[in-house]
Protein backbone atom coordinates (compact mmCIF):
# COMPACT_ATOMS: atom_id res chain seq x y z
CA MET A 1 99.92 76.25 116.03
CA THR A 2 99.15 75.82 113.42
CA HIS A 3 100.20 77.37 109.67
CA ARG A 4 96.56 79.07 108.37
CA GLU A 5 97.44 79.85 105.18
CA ASN A 6 94.57 82.40 102.78
CA MET A 7 96.41 83.43 100.32
CA VAL A 8 94.26 86.92 98.74
CA ALA A 9 95.74 89.39 95.86
CA VAL A 10 95.14 92.74 97.14
CA THR A 11 95.15 95.18 94.44
CA GLU A 12 95.75 98.47 96.47
CA ASP A 13 99.24 99.65 95.09
CA ASP A 14 100.95 101.40 98.45
CA SER A 15 103.78 102.70 96.25
CA ALA A 16 101.66 105.76 95.00
CA GLY A 17 102.18 108.79 97.59
CA GLN A 18 103.73 112.42 97.39
CA PRO A 19 107.61 112.07 98.05
CA PRO A 20 108.71 115.84 99.67
CA ALA A 21 110.80 117.03 97.25
CA ALA A 22 114.22 118.44 98.75
CA GLU A 23 114.05 115.52 101.82
CA GLY A 24 116.43 112.60 102.74
CA PRO A 25 116.03 109.10 103.31
CA ALA A 26 114.38 108.38 106.88
CA THR A 27 116.15 106.25 109.02
CA ASP A 28 113.21 104.25 111.23
CA ALA A 29 114.69 102.58 113.69
CA ALA A 30 112.45 99.97 115.78
CA PRO A 31 111.74 101.39 118.94
CA GLU A 32 112.27 99.92 122.77
CA PRO A 33 109.11 97.53 123.55
CA ALA A 34 107.00 99.01 126.43
CA ALA A 35 105.10 96.59 127.73
CA GLU A 36 106.42 94.50 130.37
CA SER A 37 105.57 91.39 128.74
CA ALA A 38 106.50 92.79 125.18
CA SER A 39 110.49 93.01 126.29
CA GLU A 40 110.68 89.24 126.13
CA VAL A 41 109.84 89.13 122.21
CA ALA A 42 113.29 91.87 122.20
CA ASP A 43 114.41 89.31 124.46
CA VAL A 44 114.76 86.58 121.07
CA GLY A 45 117.63 88.78 120.01
CA GLY A 46 119.04 89.85 122.76
CA ALA A 47 121.61 87.49 124.10
CA ALA A 48 123.46 87.37 120.21
CA GLU A 49 123.45 90.87 120.70
CA ALA A 50 125.41 89.70 123.86
CA GLY A 51 127.35 87.51 122.61
CA ALA A 52 125.77 84.00 122.97
CA PRO A 53 126.93 81.60 120.14
CA ALA A 54 125.03 81.97 116.56
CA GLU A 55 123.11 78.74 115.57
CA SER A 56 122.61 77.22 112.23
CA SER A 57 119.93 79.35 109.58
CA GLY A 58 118.84 76.12 108.68
CA GLN A 59 117.28 75.11 112.20
CA ASP A 60 112.83 76.18 112.83
CA GLY A 61 111.88 78.80 115.59
CA PRO A 62 113.37 82.02 116.53
CA ASP A 63 117.47 82.01 115.90
CA GLN A 64 118.50 84.34 118.99
CA ALA A 65 121.44 85.57 116.15
CA VAL A 66 119.78 87.48 113.46
CA ALA A 67 119.65 91.07 115.78
CA GLY A 68 123.29 90.70 117.31
CA GLU A 69 124.00 89.51 112.90
CA ALA A 70 122.95 93.19 112.02
CA VAL A 71 124.70 94.80 114.92
CA ALA A 72 127.49 93.54 114.26
CA GLY A 73 127.20 93.81 110.98
CA GLU A 74 127.33 90.77 109.31
CA ALA A 75 123.85 90.60 107.83
CA ALA A 76 122.70 93.29 105.71
CA ALA A 77 119.67 94.81 107.23
CA PRO A 78 116.53 95.58 104.78
CA ASP A 79 116.54 99.28 104.60
CA ALA A 80 114.94 100.87 107.80
CA ASP A 81 113.14 103.74 104.95
CA GLU A 82 112.01 100.90 102.13
CA ASP A 83 107.72 101.74 104.11
CA ASP A 84 108.63 105.30 104.04
CA GLU A 85 107.63 107.85 101.61
CA GLU A 86 111.08 108.38 100.05
CA ALA A 87 111.54 105.07 99.26
CA PRO A 88 111.77 104.31 95.88
CA ASP A 89 109.91 101.05 94.16
CA ALA A 90 110.93 97.45 94.83
CA PRO A 91 111.69 95.60 92.17
CA GLY A 92 108.58 93.26 91.20
CA ARG A 93 109.14 89.86 92.82
CA GLU A 94 108.49 85.80 92.28
CA VAL A 95 105.34 84.18 94.50
CA ALA A 96 107.12 81.00 94.49
CA ASP A 97 109.35 84.68 96.55
CA LEU A 98 106.48 85.47 98.34
CA GLU A 99 105.80 82.39 99.31
CA GLN A 100 109.17 81.61 100.64
CA GLU A 101 109.09 84.58 102.26
CA GLN A 102 105.69 83.64 104.82
CA GLU A 103 106.97 80.20 105.42
CA ILE A 104 110.39 81.21 106.76
CA ALA A 105 108.31 84.61 109.09
CA ALA A 106 105.50 81.88 110.26
CA ASP A 107 108.16 79.23 111.52
CA TYR A 108 110.53 82.28 112.97
CA LEU A 109 107.19 83.95 114.91
CA GLU A 110 105.92 80.75 115.78
CA GLY A 111 108.58 79.97 117.67
CA LEU A 112 109.17 82.80 119.04
CA LEU A 113 105.42 83.47 120.57
CA ASP A 114 106.14 79.39 122.36
CA ILE A 115 109.27 81.31 123.67
CA VAL A 116 106.84 84.01 124.86
CA GLY A 117 103.99 81.51 126.06
CA ASP A 118 101.08 82.68 123.38
CA PRO A 119 101.42 79.42 121.14
CA ASP A 120 97.69 79.49 120.62
CA SER A 121 97.65 82.04 118.21
CA GLU A 122 97.44 81.29 114.12
CA PHE A 123 98.96 83.00 111.03
CA ASP A 124 96.71 84.37 108.14
CA MET A 125 98.59 84.57 104.61
CA GLY A 126 98.48 87.06 101.76
CA VAL A 127 100.24 89.43 98.71
CA GLU A 128 99.78 92.73 98.49
CA GLY A 129 101.77 94.66 95.84
CA ASP A 130 105.51 92.68 95.64
CA ARG A 131 104.74 92.25 99.52
CA ALA A 132 104.64 89.26 101.36
CA LEU A 133 101.71 89.82 104.43
CA VAL A 134 101.51 87.70 107.56
CA SER A 135 98.98 88.47 109.89
CA VAL A 136 99.06 87.29 113.37
CA VAL A 137 95.08 86.19 114.63
CA GLY A 138 94.24 84.48 118.41
CA GLY A 139 95.79 84.21 120.89
CA SER A 140 96.63 87.15 123.12
CA LEU A 141 97.59 89.40 120.98
CA ARG A 142 97.79 93.21 123.35
CA GLU A 143 100.89 92.88 124.07
CA LEU A 144 102.38 92.17 120.67
CA ILE A 145 100.61 95.71 119.59
CA GLY A 146 101.98 97.79 122.33
CA PRO A 147 101.37 101.18 122.51
CA ARG A 148 101.32 102.81 119.02
CA GLY A 149 102.73 99.63 117.59
CA GLU A 150 105.59 100.06 118.59
CA VAL A 151 105.75 96.58 119.95
CA LEU A 152 104.55 95.32 116.11
CA GLU A 153 107.03 97.58 115.03
CA ALA A 154 110.43 96.20 116.27
CA LEU A 155 108.94 92.32 116.05
CA GLN A 156 108.54 93.11 111.64
CA GLU A 157 111.95 94.12 112.13
CA LEU A 158 113.27 91.50 113.60
CA THR A 159 111.41 88.88 111.42
CA ARG A 160 112.28 90.41 108.24
CA LEU A 161 116.44 90.16 109.64
CA ALA A 162 115.27 86.16 110.03
CA VAL A 163 113.37 86.07 106.68
CA HIS A 164 116.81 88.02 105.18
CA ARG A 165 119.32 85.35 106.90
CA GLN A 166 117.60 82.81 105.26
CA THR A 167 117.38 83.76 101.54
CA GLY A 168 120.43 86.32 101.45
CA GLU A 169 117.75 88.80 100.18
CA ARG A 170 115.99 92.44 101.26
CA THR A 171 112.49 91.83 101.73
CA ARG A 172 109.77 94.24 102.16
CA LEU A 173 107.65 91.74 104.62
CA MET A 174 104.67 93.96 106.04
CA LEU A 175 103.36 92.02 109.82
CA ASP A 176 100.08 92.44 111.71
CA VAL A 177 99.42 91.52 114.53
CA GLY A 178 95.48 91.06 115.21
CA GLY A 179 93.70 92.96 112.69
CA TYR A 180 96.36 96.18 113.92
CA ARG A 181 97.63 97.78 110.46
CA ALA A 182 93.72 97.55 108.70
CA ARG A 183 92.28 99.72 111.32
CA ARG A 184 95.52 101.95 111.34
CA ARG A 185 95.45 102.39 107.48
CA MET A 186 91.42 103.19 108.23
CA GLU A 187 92.00 106.07 110.89
CA LEU A 188 94.97 107.50 108.94
CA THR A 189 93.71 107.59 105.55
CA ALA A 190 90.57 110.00 107.54
CA LEU A 191 92.88 111.88 109.15
CA GLY A 192 94.95 112.62 105.71
CA ARG A 193 91.41 113.01 103.71
CA ASP A 194 90.20 115.42 106.75
CA ALA A 195 93.56 117.20 106.69
CA ALA A 196 93.16 118.35 103.14
CA GLU A 197 89.82 119.59 103.70
CA ASP A 198 90.88 121.15 106.54
CA VAL A 199 94.70 122.89 104.47
CA GLY A 200 92.19 123.49 101.35
CA ARG A 201 89.63 125.35 103.19
CA THR A 202 92.36 127.94 105.22
CA GLY A 203 95.03 128.36 103.10
CA VAL A 204 96.93 127.11 106.20
CA ALA A 205 99.92 124.74 106.07
CA ARG A 206 99.02 121.79 108.77
CA ARG A 207 101.83 119.66 111.12
CA LEU A 208 100.80 116.06 112.12
CA GLU A 209 101.84 114.66 114.60
CA ALA A 210 105.39 112.60 114.49
CA MET A 211 103.69 108.91 112.64
CA THR A 212 106.37 106.21 111.68
CA PRO A 213 106.89 106.28 108.36
CA PHE A 214 104.35 102.77 107.82
CA GLU A 215 101.91 105.74 109.24
CA ARG A 216 102.97 108.57 106.87
CA LYS A 217 102.93 106.51 104.16
CA ILE A 218 98.90 106.05 104.36
CA VAL A 219 98.48 110.25 104.87
CA HIS A 220 100.08 110.95 102.58
CA ASP A 221 98.59 108.78 99.60
CA ALA A 222 94.97 110.38 101.04
CA VAL A 223 96.32 113.90 101.45
CA ALA A 224 97.09 113.18 97.38
CA ALA A 225 93.81 111.48 96.27
CA ALA A 226 92.29 114.63 98.28
CA GLY A 227 94.57 117.04 95.61
CA LEU A 228 96.50 118.54 97.76
CA ARG A 229 100.25 117.91 98.46
CA SER A 230 102.01 116.75 101.61
CA GLU A 231 105.92 116.37 102.44
CA SER A 232 107.34 114.63 105.56
CA GLU A 233 109.77 117.29 107.83
CA GLY A 234 112.06 116.18 111.21
CA GLU A 235 113.87 113.79 111.96
CA GLU A 236 112.92 109.95 113.43
CA PRO A 237 111.17 109.33 116.06
CA ASN A 238 109.43 112.30 115.86
CA ARG A 239 108.88 112.86 111.40
CA ARG A 240 105.77 114.28 110.22
CA VAL A 241 103.57 115.07 107.56
CA VAL A 242 102.92 118.53 106.77
CA VAL A 243 99.22 119.27 104.80
CA LEU A 244 100.34 121.64 102.34
CA PRO A 245 97.61 124.59 100.97
CA ALA A 246 97.10 124.59 96.88
CA GLY A 247 99.90 126.20 94.05
């Protein structure tokens, strides 16, 4: 497996959006993988959760103690709602710090993909705003995404924990697999735009389907760009966007 670095500065600012006025922070727990082969990915952290000994943080590859430390409270996990519309703006990060996060994430994912039998994948790396991006490309990727990206979300949390364990800093690293997030962003932007158009025409609020924080943020931005307001309601994992009429 090779690392293919492709540093791309993306000017899109995903911190904009319409935060709800009175809602509390959401809690985004990574759902259990649904695909049978995807369970192998989750098993990387399972041994530590069951009491397996921790390995040295200096070793390359997947660290089986990462998920166990988060459960035991030995290491602070990144904010579960840091991708959501309620999240505060993150402080600026140095490019060198983001590059370090990318390298740690790639090493972790490389070892993990070797374990689950997908050694042919490569990595594209970039920067979006103040977060590092790591995209897995090539190989057999469908099972690393899972239904509605459930496996991808779980894999992203494990990768963030691996980065946090080595740097001691919380990370907003975004993981993509096979371009799934890019495609989903386009779909949700269209959904938010269409919902805003419908609400603007009828004057009736519209409740959308339950979404992840990442997905809700995209919809909020699309609705705001269309000149309407939106907010989130409900509890995870059934939290959803409500598009509101003007005024």
